[in-house]
Amino acid sequence: MRRLIRIYDTTLRDGTQGEGVSFSLEDKLRIAARLDAAGFHYIEGGWPGSNPKDIRFFRRVQDLHFKQAKVAAFSMTRRPGVSAASDASLQALVDAGAPVATIVGKSWDFHATHVLGTTLAENLSMIGDTVAYLRPQVEEVVYDAEHFFDGFRANRAYALETLAAAAAAGAAWLVLCDTNGGTLPAELIEIVREVRKHVRTPLGIHVHNDADCAVANSLAAVAEGVDQVQGTVNGYGERCGNANLVSLIPSLMLKTDFELGLSAQIANQHARSLPREESR
């Protein structure tokens, strides 16, 4: 049986951070419907705790009947010193009613101590508490390990501890994020291989394109056993953008033996593109 690769689209959240990109509520609903029609597995709709438009999106999207895609709502781990149940951002995430909750947490020890201003132990508790709180209330919790590759370089043991905290609390996916977009494929392969020695939970990859390697890094991660690929349509996203799903999907369909489970329309285009046996 061919390995199934899940496509996770974050155009409606990460993509809107690109220069000149702005979607109305109706735009977001139409795009979500088209992504589902194409057979994408996950559609990240936005951050319901951050702005009224995203709150309205999660209300309206419940009226759409998707064939395959699961809608994901995005937020961050609970704040330091606050319980998950009393964190306003997490309550907004639950109230959004999306079947998937995607949580971003700190993997880099420097960020835990200097950005969040907390201890390394508290950061681990924030990750575990958040996932454990959300797990009974949604179908899946996706844990995005922010700045994972930078964190791994700086403190390998701690970066792995952050993944372990999310896995132990019940995360369905652990997504390795190259948030700065500066990792090159050879190093990414080495790090993914090391992570797989320590982690049983399915892995995802989320790559930014600052070194122009987002697509190459995503393909390399899949080849090393990663089963979920996050990206955006046309590579929209902050700074230099995200991994471009318009490039990634045909590369996976036409040049690998992985199964994507996308729509019949895309599959038919795939079949027509295959070379025919020449008569001799």
Protein backbone atom coordinates (compact mmCIF):
# COMPACT_ATOMS: atom_id res chain seq x y z
CA MET A 1 0.00 0.00 0.00
CA ARG A 2 1.30 3.43 -0.95
CA ARG A 3 1.94 5.91 1.85
CA LEU A 4 -0.71 8.61 2.14
CA ILE A 5 0.58 12.18 2.33
CA ARG A 6 -1.86 14.68 3.81
CA ILE A 7 -1.98 18.18 2.36
CA TYR A 8 -2.51 20.92 4.94
CA ASP A 9 -3.29 24.31 3.43
CA THR A 10 -2.66 27.48 5.42
CA THR A 11 -3.35 30.02 2.67
CA LEU A 12 -6.20 31.55 4.67
CA ARG A 13 -3.98 32.16 7.71
CA ASP A 14 -0.26 32.11 6.95
CA GLY A 15 -0.84 33.17 3.34
CA THR A 16 -2.60 36.35 4.39
CA GLN A 17 0.63 37.57 5.99
CA GLY A 18 2.12 38.09 2.53
CA GLU A 19 2.58 41.60 1.21
CA GLY A 20 -0.48 42.79 -0.66
CA VAL A 21 -2.59 39.74 0.24
CA SER A 22 -5.98 40.48 1.79
CA PHE A 23 -9.05 38.25 1.68
CA SER A 24 -12.59 39.29 2.47
CA LEU A 25 -14.77 36.90 4.44
CA GLU A 26 -16.50 35.83 1.21
CA ASP A 27 -13.09 35.30 -0.42
CA LYS A 28 -12.06 32.99 2.40
CA LEU A 29 -15.24 30.95 2.16
CA ARG A 30 -14.95 30.56 -1.62
CA ILE A 31 -11.28 29.59 -1.40
CA ALA A 32 -12.04 27.04 1.32
CA ALA A 33 -14.72 25.46 -0.88
CA ARG A 34 -12.32 25.23 -3.81
CA LEU A 35 -9.59 23.68 -1.67
CA ASP A 36 -12.02 21.03 -0.47
CA ALA A 37 -13.15 20.35 -4.04
CA ALA A 38 -9.52 19.72 -4.96
CA GLY A 39 -9.31 17.14 -2.18
CA PHE A 40 -7.06 18.91 0.34
CA HIS A 41 -7.09 17.19 3.73
CA TYR A 42 -6.83 20.21 6.03
CA ILE A 43 -7.78 23.87 5.59
CA GLU A 44 -6.46 26.24 8.24
CA GLY A 45 -9.05 29.00 8.36
CA GLY A 46 -7.37 31.51 10.65
CA TRP A 47 -6.81 32.54 14.26
CA PRO A 48 -10.22 33.04 15.89
CA GLY A 49 -8.77 34.86 18.90
CA SER A 50 -7.04 37.51 16.82
CA ASN A 51 -9.67 39.32 14.75
CA PRO A 52 -13.45 39.49 14.12
CA LYS A 53 -13.18 38.35 10.48
CA ASP A 54 -11.75 34.98 11.49
CA ILE A 55 -14.43 34.53 14.15
CA ARG A 56 -17.10 35.13 11.49
CA PHE A 57 -15.32 32.75 9.10
CA PHE A 58 -15.54 29.85 11.55
CA ARG A 59 -19.23 30.52 12.09
CA ARG A 60 -20.00 30.68 8.37
CA VAL A 61 -17.83 27.77 7.30
CA GLN A 62 -19.98 25.42 9.36
CA ASP A 63 -22.71 25.93 6.76
CA LEU A 64 -20.47 24.47 4.06
CA HIS A 65 -20.47 20.71 3.62
CA PHE A 66 -16.96 19.63 2.78
CA LYS A 67 -16.34 16.29 1.10
CA GLN A 68 -12.90 15.66 2.53
CA ALA A 69 -11.23 18.65 4.15
CA LYS A 70 -11.16 19.23 7.88
CA VAL A 71 -11.15 22.86 8.97
CA ALA A 72 -8.43 23.83 11.43
CA ALA A 73 -8.42 26.79 13.79
CA PHE A 74 -5.05 28.20 14.84
CA SER A 75 -3.81 29.54 18.15
CA MET A 76 -0.82 29.42 20.49
CA THR A 77 -0.13 27.60 23.74
CA ARG A 78 -1.54 28.99 26.95
CA ARG A 79 0.21 31.99 28.46
CA PRO A 80 2.80 31.51 31.20
CA GLY A 81 1.26 31.22 34.65
CA VAL A 82 -2.31 30.88 33.33
CA SER A 83 -4.32 27.68 33.13
CA ALA A 84 -5.36 26.48 29.70
CA ALA A 85 -9.03 26.60 30.69
CA SER A 86 -8.80 30.30 31.61
CA ASP A 87 -6.74 31.40 28.60
CA ALA A 88 -8.88 33.68 26.41
CA SER A 89 -7.19 32.67 23.14
CA LEU A 90 -7.79 28.97 23.80
CA GLN A 91 -11.40 29.63 24.74
CA ALA A 92 -11.88 31.45 21.43
CA LEU A 93 -10.34 28.44 19.68
CA VAL A 94 -12.81 26.06 21.34
CA ASP A 95 -15.72 28.40 20.61
CA ALA A 96 -14.76 28.41 16.91
CA GLY A 97 -16.09 24.85 16.68
CA ALA A 98 -13.50 23.63 14.17
CA PRO A 99 -12.78 19.89 14.24
CA VAL A 100 -9.01 20.49 14.24
CA ALA A 101 -7.06 22.73 16.61
CA THR A 102 -3.58 23.75 15.51
CA ILE A 103 -1.37 25.03 18.31
CA VAL A 104 1.99 26.74 17.89
CA GLY A 105 4.53 26.42 20.69
CA LYS A 106 8.14 27.33 21.35
CA SER A 107 10.80 24.75 20.48
CA TRP A 108 13.80 27.04 20.82
CA ASP A 109 15.04 27.46 24.40
CA PHE A 110 16.04 31.07 23.63
CA HIS A 111 12.47 31.95 22.67
CA ALA A 112 11.04 30.35 25.80
CA THR A 113 13.27 32.37 28.08
CA HIS A 114 13.69 35.63 26.14
CA VAL A 115 10.44 35.96 24.12
CA LEU A 116 7.93 34.37 26.47
CA GLY A 117 9.98 35.36 29.51
CA THR A 118 9.41 32.05 31.23
CA THR A 119 11.37 28.99 32.28
CA LEU A 120 12.12 25.99 30.12
CA ALA A 121 10.08 23.80 32.45
CA GLU A 122 7.08 26.13 32.29
CA ASN A 123 7.25 26.17 28.50
CA LEU A 124 7.01 22.36 28.48
CA SER A 125 4.02 22.59 30.81
CA MET A 126 2.40 25.17 28.54
CA ILE A 127 2.69 22.80 25.59
CA GLY A 128 1.43 19.75 27.45
CA ASP A 129 -1.38 21.57 29.27
CA THR A 130 -2.67 23.17 26.08
CA VAL A 131 -2.77 19.95 24.07
CA ALA A 132 -4.33 18.02 26.96
CA TYR A 133 -7.01 20.69 27.43
CA LEU A 134 -7.96 20.75 23.75
CA ARG A 135 -7.73 17.04 23.03
CA PRO A 136 -11.20 16.04 24.39
CA GLN A 137 -12.87 18.99 22.69
CA VAL A 138 -11.74 18.50 19.08
CA GLU A 139 -11.15 15.63 16.69
CA GLU A 140 -7.42 16.33 16.31
CA VAL A 141 -4.78 18.56 17.82
CA VAL A 142 -1.93 19.54 15.50
CA TYR A 143 1.16 20.79 17.29
CA ASP A 144 3.30 23.24 15.29
CA ALA A 145 6.83 23.28 16.72
CA GLU A 146 7.81 26.87 15.93
CA HIS A 147 11.45 27.52 14.99
CA PHE A 148 12.11 23.82 15.47
CA PHE A 149 15.21 23.61 13.30
CA ASP A 150 16.82 26.65 14.94
CA GLY A 151 15.93 25.24 18.33
CA PHE A 152 17.37 21.86 17.44
CA ARG A 153 20.67 23.44 16.45
CA ALA A 154 20.84 25.40 19.70
CA ASN A 155 19.66 22.75 22.16
CA ARG A 156 18.85 19.39 20.62
CA ALA A 157 17.71 17.74 23.84
CA TYR A 158 15.27 20.52 24.73
CA ALA A 159 13.79 20.75 21.23
CA LEU A 160 13.03 17.03 21.41
CA GLU A 161 11.53 17.50 24.88
CA THR A 162 9.02 19.97 23.47
CA LEU A 163 7.88 17.38 20.93
CA ALA A 164 7.65 14.75 23.64
CA ALA A 165 5.46 17.05 25.76
CA ALA A 166 2.98 17.52 22.91
CA ALA A 167 2.99 13.83 22.02
CA ALA A 168 2.44 12.71 25.62
CA ALA A 169 -0.55 15.05 25.92
CA GLY A 170 -2.21 13.52 22.85
CA ALA A 171 -1.23 15.58 19.80
CA ALA A 172 -2.19 13.79 16.58
CA TRP A 173 0.59 15.49 14.60
CA LEU A 174 3.94 17.04 15.42
CA VAL A 175 4.82 19.59 12.74
CA LEU A 176 8.47 20.59 12.38
CA CYS A 177 8.58 24.28 11.44
CA ASP A 178 11.46 26.01 9.68
CA THR A 179 10.00 29.36 10.66
CA ASN A 180 13.03 31.39 9.59
CA GLY A 181 13.24 29.51 6.29
CA GLY A 182 17.02 29.24 6.47
CA THR A 183 17.57 25.48 6.68
CA LEU A 184 19.11 23.78 3.64
CA PRO A 185 17.92 20.34 2.47
CA ALA A 186 20.96 18.32 3.58
CA GLU A 187 20.72 19.60 7.15
CA LEU A 188 16.95 19.24 7.22
CA ILE A 189 17.28 15.59 6.22
CA GLU A 190 19.73 14.94 9.04
CA ILE A 191 17.47 16.58 11.62
CA VAL A 192 14.32 14.79 10.45
CA ARG A 193 16.14 11.47 10.62
CA GLU A 194 17.23 12.22 14.18
CA VAL A 195 13.71 13.25 15.21
CA ARG A 196 12.26 10.03 13.87
CA LYS A 197 14.54 8.07 16.18
CA HIS A 198 12.82 9.66 19.17
CA VAL A 199 9.23 10.26 18.03
CA ARG A 200 6.40 7.85 17.21
CA THR A 201 3.70 10.44 16.59
CA PRO A 202 3.15 11.24 12.89
CA LEU A 203 5.19 14.17 11.65
CA GLY A 204 4.40 17.18 9.49
CA ILE A 205 6.61 19.79 7.84
CA HIS A 206 6.03 23.57 7.65
CA VAL A 207 8.72 25.45 5.74
CA HIS A 208 9.21 29.10 4.90
CA ASN A 209 11.03 30.11 1.74
CA ASP A 210 13.69 32.61 2.82
CA ALA A 211 16.50 30.46 1.38
CA ASP A 212 14.33 29.53 -1.64
CA CYS A 213 14.32 25.90 -0.44
CA ALA A 214 10.76 25.51 0.87
CA VAL A 215 9.58 23.12 -1.83
CA ALA A 216 12.86 21.17 -1.86
CA ASN A 217 12.84 20.90 1.92
CA SER A 218 9.22 19.74 1.99
CA LEU A 219 9.90 17.05 -0.61
CA ALA A 220 13.00 15.95 1.29
CA ALA A 221 11.01 15.71 4.53
CA VAL A 222 8.36 13.54 2.88
CA ALA A 223 11.06 11.25 1.51
CA GLU A 224 12.34 10.89 5.09
CA GLY A 225 8.98 9.74 6.45
CA VAL A 226 7.00 12.92 7.11
CA ASP A 227 3.31 12.34 6.36
CA GLN A 228 1.81 15.84 6.40
CA VAL A 229 2.91 18.78 4.25
CA GLN A 230 1.87 22.31 5.13
CA GLY A 231 1.98 25.10 2.60
CA THR A 232 0.02 27.75 0.72
CA VAL A 233 -1.34 28.24 -2.76
CA ASN A 234 1.29 29.99 -4.89
CA GLY A 235 3.59 30.09 -1.85
CA TYR A 236 1.88 33.17 -0.38
CA GLY A 237 3.13 34.09 3.08
CA GLU A 238 5.15 36.48 5.19
CA ARG A 239 8.59 37.67 4.01
CA CYS A 240 9.59 35.32 1.14
CA GLY A 241 6.52 33.12 1.51
CA ASN A 242 5.72 29.53 2.42
CA ALA A 243 6.13 26.21 0.65
CA ASN A 244 4.22 26.47 -2.63
CA LEU A 245 1.55 23.76 -2.82
CA VAL A 246 1.09 24.48 -6.53
CA SER A 247 4.62 23.12 -7.02
CA LEU A 248 4.57 20.51 -4.27
CA ILE A 249 1.39 18.69 -5.22
CA PRO A 250 2.29 17.90 -8.85
CA SER A 251 5.84 17.01 -7.81
CA LEU A 252 4.47 14.47 -5.33
CA MET A 253 1.86 13.17 -7.77
CA LEU A 254 4.02 12.95 -10.89
CA LYS A 255 7.47 12.19 -9.56
CA THR A 256 6.91 9.97 -6.50
CA ASP A 257 4.96 6.87 -5.56
CA PHE A 258 3.10 8.48 -2.65
CA GLU A 259 -0.70 8.64 -2.47
CA LEU A 260 -2.29 12.07 -2.03
CA GLY A 261 -5.98 11.15 -2.30
CA LEU A 262 -6.82 14.32 -4.21
CA SER A 263 -9.85 14.84 -6.42
CA ALA A 264 -10.63 12.87 -9.55
CA GLN A 265 -10.09 16.01 -11.64
CA ILE A 266 -6.47 16.31 -10.51
CA ALA A 267 -5.97 12.56 -10.76
CA ASN A 268 -7.23 12.57 -14.37
CA GLN A 269 -4.76 15.32 -15.25
CA HIS A 270 -2.08 13.13 -13.69
CA ALA A 271 -3.10 10.13 -15.80
CA ARG A 272 -3.09 12.18 -19.02
CA SER A 273 0.40 13.40 -18.24
CA LEU A 274 1.91 9.92 -18.00
CA PRO A 275 4.03 8.87 -21.00
CA ARG A 276 2.44 6.37 -23.33
CA GLU A 277 4.28 3.27 -24.37
CA GLU A 278 5.77 3.81 -27.77
CA SER A 279 5.13 1.24 -30.47
CA ARG A 280 8.22 -0.47 -31.72
